[in-house]
Amino acid sequence: MLVTLMGLTVFACIIPVERGKLVEGRSLTVGVTQVRKVSEVFYEDQGQHFVIRPRDPEKNTLALTSISIANYRSARVLMSIDSAAAYVDDQQNRQYPVINPFGTQREKLDQPGKDEPLYVPFLWGTIGLDLNTQITGWMVFEVPKATEVQRFGWQQGENIVVRFCKEPC
């Protein structure tokens, strides 16, 4: 049942490519349009309401990234977006892997949470991108509260790094 939702969510978000400020790899182009730090993320999945919180909320927070992944070069690219697919890192190059938004860190709620559904769809699961299409969605990371996210790294099929700069890079 969960796999069905993810497939429908992902399919609905595949759109024609829009070129912009993106980092190009051999096959894929990755862009990060937003990075936000929040204490919790609320969402709905098949009529049920959930919240994702850090495992250690005293020390950690959630970093959410709005990601676009585009295929400009291959007839079709098949990706498996899991905990090894992406990371963010900090000033000391410590990497924090993407967390499964449908996994053990989510808690079921009896009623809708605040700001639902502000950070959906999530990018998770197996996704196929045809030539000249892109997918856009959110990825969730657990990071220490004092962390200043420096880079987003994509590791599915190739390594692509998007740097966040306060000044020109």
Foldseek 3Di string as FASTA:
>chain_A
DQVVQLVVQFVVQKDFDDDDPWFDDPFKTKDWDDKDWAQKAWEDDPNWIKIFGDPDSVFKIKIKTKMKMAGADDQKDKWADAQPFKWWAFPVRDTWTWHDPPDDRMDTDPDGDPPYPVFDDEDHGIDMHGHRIMGIGMTMTMDTPPGDTAWMWGDIPHTTIDGDDPDDD
